[in-house]
Protein backbone atom coordinates (compact mmCIF):
# COMPACT_ATOMS: atom_id res chain seq x y z
CA MET A 1 -77.39 -26.75 122.11
CA ASN A 2 -74.82 -27.00 124.22
CA ASP A 3 -72.66 -30.11 125.91
CA GLU A 4 -73.86 -29.78 129.21
CA ALA A 5 -77.28 -29.11 128.08
CA ILE A 6 -77.13 -32.73 125.90
CA VAL A 7 -75.77 -34.58 129.42
CA ALA A 8 -78.68 -33.05 131.27
CA GLU A 9 -81.32 -34.60 128.36
CA TYR A 10 -80.06 -38.33 127.58
CA LEU A 11 -79.77 -38.26 131.40
CA ARG A 12 -83.69 -37.30 131.87
CA SER A 13 -84.29 -39.59 128.66
CA ARG A 14 -81.55 -41.70 127.41
CA ASP A 15 -81.91 -40.92 124.25
CA PRO A 16 -78.73 -42.76 123.13
CA GLU A 17 -78.72 -39.91 119.99
CA LEU A 18 -77.78 -37.85 122.53
CA PHE A 19 -74.68 -39.15 123.55
CA ARG A 20 -74.20 -40.11 119.92
CA VAL A 21 -73.54 -36.07 120.33
CA LEU A 22 -70.99 -36.17 122.71
CA VAL A 23 -69.05 -38.64 121.70
CA GLU A 24 -69.12 -37.10 117.70
CA ARG A 25 -68.35 -33.90 119.11
CA HIS A 26 -65.35 -35.81 120.88
CA GLN A 27 -63.99 -37.96 119.47
CA ALA A 28 -61.15 -36.58 118.13
CA ARG A 29 -59.80 -34.38 120.29
CA VAL A 30 -60.44 -37.51 123.25
CA PHE A 31 -58.13 -39.30 120.88
CA ARG A 32 -55.53 -37.00 120.35
CA LEU A 33 -55.65 -36.69 124.35
CA VAL A 34 -54.57 -40.27 124.87
CA ALA A 35 -52.38 -40.94 122.07
CA GLY A 36 -50.51 -37.27 123.22
CA LEU A 37 -50.07 -39.12 126.62
CA LEU A 38 -49.26 -42.80 125.26
CA GLY A 39 -46.87 -41.57 123.06
CA PRO A 40 -45.68 -42.54 119.12
CA PHE A 41 -45.94 -45.69 117.48
CA ALA A 42 -49.60 -46.27 119.72
CA ASP A 43 -52.29 -45.92 117.24
CA THR A 44 -54.07 -48.99 118.09
CA ASP A 45 -54.33 -48.76 122.14
CA ALA A 46 -55.03 -44.93 121.47
CA GLN A 47 -57.79 -46.02 119.58
CA GLU A 48 -58.20 -49.01 122.45
CA VAL A 49 -58.38 -46.44 125.16
CA THR A 50 -59.93 -44.19 123.67
CA GLN A 51 -63.18 -46.45 122.75
CA GLU A 52 -62.68 -47.64 126.37
CA VAL A 53 -63.05 -43.76 127.84
CA PHE A 54 -65.84 -43.18 125.92
CA LEU A 55 -67.82 -46.35 127.47
CA ARG A 56 -66.72 -44.84 131.17
CA THR A 57 -67.96 -41.49 129.66
CA HIS A 58 -71.66 -43.58 129.70
CA ASP A 59 -71.11 -44.99 132.38
CA ARG A 60 -69.82 -42.03 135.13
CA LEU A 61 -72.55 -40.25 133.05
CA ALA A 62 -74.96 -39.56 136.38
CA GLY A 63 -71.49 -38.52 138.00
CA PHE A 64 -71.25 -35.34 136.25
CA ARG A 65 -72.77 -31.92 138.25
CA GLY A 66 -71.67 -29.43 136.42
CA GLU A 67 -69.23 -27.93 137.97
CA ALA A 68 -66.89 -27.67 134.65
CA ARG A 69 -67.44 -28.20 131.27
CA PHE A 70 -68.19 -31.46 129.92
CA SER A 71 -65.02 -31.69 127.60
CA SER A 72 -62.67 -30.31 130.98
CA TRP A 73 -64.73 -33.08 132.56
CA LEU A 74 -64.70 -35.95 130.11
CA TYR A 75 -61.25 -35.01 129.14
CA ARG A 76 -59.86 -35.38 132.58
CA LEU A 77 -61.41 -38.80 132.70
CA ALA A 78 -59.24 -39.98 129.08
CA TYR A 79 -56.01 -38.14 130.73
CA ASN A 80 -56.61 -40.30 133.92
CA ARG A 81 -57.85 -43.67 132.08
CA THR A 82 -54.72 -43.16 129.81
CA LEU A 83 -52.33 -42.97 132.93
CA GLU A 84 -54.12 -46.06 134.69
CA HIS A 85 -53.61 -48.35 131.30
CA ARG A 86 -49.63 -46.87 131.03
CA ARG A 87 -49.11 -47.71 133.76
CA ARG A 88 -50.60 -51.34 133.48
CA ALA A 89 -48.85 -51.63 129.60
CA ARG A 90 -45.66 -50.91 131.34
CA LEU A 91 -45.97 -54.33 133.58
CA ARG A 92 -47.38 -56.88 131.39
CA LEU A 93 -44.52 -55.72 128.44
CA PRO A 94 -42.02 -53.12 129.38
CA HIS A 95 -40.75 -53.11 125.91
CA VAL A 96 -43.13 -54.47 122.33
CA PRO A 97 -40.67 -54.94 118.99
CA ILE A 98 -42.69 -54.07 115.98
CA ASP A 99 -44.52 -56.93 114.38
CA THR A 100 -42.29 -57.33 110.84
CA LEU A 101 -44.74 -59.08 108.98
CA GLU A 102 -46.57 -54.82 109.01
CA GLU A 103 -43.19 -53.72 107.87
CA ARG A 104 -43.00 -55.51 105.04
CA ALA A 105 -46.92 -54.90 104.35
CA ALA A 106 -44.97 -51.06 103.85
CA GLY A 107 -42.90 -51.95 101.83
CA THR A 108 -39.75 -51.45 103.43
CA GLY A 109 -36.51 -53.82 103.20
CA PRO A 110 -34.84 -55.15 105.63
CA PHE A 111 -32.43 -52.58 106.16
CA GLU A 112 -34.61 -49.58 106.08
CA ALA A 113 -36.95 -51.01 108.82
CA ALA A 114 -33.62 -52.05 110.81
CA ALA A 115 -32.48 -48.55 110.59
CA GLU A 116 -36.59 -47.57 111.46
CA ARG A 117 -36.77 -49.63 114.83
CA GLU A 118 -33.34 -48.49 115.89
CA ARG A 119 -34.68 -44.54 115.60
CA GLN A 120 -37.70 -45.09 116.54
CA ARG A 121 -35.91 -47.15 119.63
CA GLN A 122 -34.13 -44.14 119.86
CA VAL A 123 -37.02 -41.56 120.36
CA GLU A 124 -38.94 -44.36 122.89
CA ARG A 125 -35.25 -43.69 124.63
CA LEU A 126 -34.61 -39.78 124.87
CA LEU A 127 -38.79 -39.03 125.55
CA GLU A 128 -38.85 -41.75 128.73
CA GLY A 129 -36.39 -39.39 130.91
CA LEU A 130 -39.38 -37.33 130.55
CA PRO A 131 -42.29 -36.56 133.28
CA ASP A 132 -45.28 -37.66 132.09
CA LEU A 133 -47.05 -34.23 131.25
CA TYR A 134 -43.59 -33.16 129.47
CA ARG A 135 -44.02 -36.36 127.07
CA SER A 136 -47.69 -36.12 126.80
CA ILE A 137 -47.16 -32.43 125.21
CA VAL A 138 -44.11 -33.01 123.16
CA HIS A 139 -45.84 -35.97 121.15
CA LEU A 140 -49.25 -33.64 120.77
CA TYR A 141 -46.96 -31.36 119.11
CA TYR A 142 -44.80 -32.92 116.92
CA TRP A 143 -46.48 -36.32 116.64
CA LEU A 144 -50.36 -34.82 115.87
CA ASP A 145 -49.46 -31.33 115.20
CA THR A 146 -51.79 -29.76 118.05
CA SER A 147 -51.97 -26.99 118.55
CA VAL A 148 -50.43 -24.46 121.47
CA ASP A 149 -53.81 -23.81 122.03
CA ASP A 150 -55.43 -27.12 121.36
CA ILE A 151 -53.21 -28.86 124.21
CA ALA A 152 -53.74 -26.23 126.37
CA GLU A 153 -57.55 -26.76 125.60
CA LEU A 154 -57.28 -30.25 125.97
CA LEU A 155 -55.51 -29.95 128.89
CA ALA A 156 -57.47 -27.45 131.38
CA VAL A 157 -53.89 -25.59 131.22
CA PRO A 158 -53.51 -21.49 130.15
CA GLU A 159 -51.50 -21.44 126.40
CA GLY A 160 -47.86 -20.01 128.20
CA THR A 161 -48.09 -23.15 129.89
CA VAL A 162 -48.02 -25.32 127.87
CA LYS A 163 -44.94 -23.15 125.97
CA SER A 164 -43.27 -23.18 128.36
CA TYR A 165 -43.53 -26.85 129.67
CA LEU A 166 -42.71 -27.53 125.61
CA SER A 167 -39.28 -25.61 126.32
CA ARG A 168 -38.96 -27.82 129.21
CA ALA A 169 -38.79 -30.75 128.03
CA ARG A 170 -37.07 -29.53 124.59
CA GLN A 171 -34.24 -28.64 127.19
CA ARG A 172 -34.76 -31.99 129.34
CA LEU A 173 -34.07 -33.64 125.43
CA ARG A 174 -31.15 -32.26 124.45
CA LYS A 175 -29.54 -33.08 127.73
CA ARG A 176 -30.68 -36.63 128.05
CA ALA A 177 -29.64 -37.40 124.16
CA GLN A 178 -26.16 -35.30 124.94
CA ALA A 179 -25.48 -38.03 128.33
CA LEU A 180 -26.91 -40.91 125.62
CA GLY A 181 -24.76 -39.71 123.54
CA MET A 182 -26.87 -39.41 120.39
CA GLU A 183 -26.02 -36.98 118.05
CA GLY A 184 -27.38 -34.83 116.12
CA ILE A 185 -30.35 -34.28 118.02
CA GLU A 186 -31.56 -30.57 118.12
C-alpha cells in the first residue's frame, strides 16, 4: 500500500497501526533531514525535533490534500519545524558547550577533549556563515553520509541542484576559512 492510500485509510479508520507504518517508513529520513538542518553535534535535538515532526504530522494529517506525494509533504513539514526550532534555540542558547561528563564517559583525556572542542568550534564558525540550505546539505552529505540522490529527494530538488549547492557551499567554506585565518581547510 502506498503512503497516500495509508493516509486515506488512516483518516477513515483511525487505526493507529496505519500511522505507525507511516512513521516507520519515514522516521530515518526525517531524522536525517532534521539532523542535516540542525548541523553537526546536535543529535539529541534532532531526535526531539523528529518526534515533534511526527506529532505535528498526526495533528495535521487531515490537512494533507494529496496534491504532492505524502513524503514531500512530510519532509516540508519537517524542514519548516526544524528551522523554527533553530530560530528559537538561537534566541535561548546561542552556544552550549559540550558536557565534560560526556567527554569522560567517552574516555577522552582533558587535552583531547579540549582539542575536540576547539575543532568543533571552528567547524561551527565556518558553517554559521553559510545559508541554512547550504549548511543543511553540507551536514547531510559529509556528516551523515547521505547520498546526493537522497538529499535531492529529502529537499524535493533535482540531483544536479544538490551538486551545485554542495559546490557553492564548499567555495564559501574555503573563502570563509581563509578570511578567518583557518589553515589547512580544504
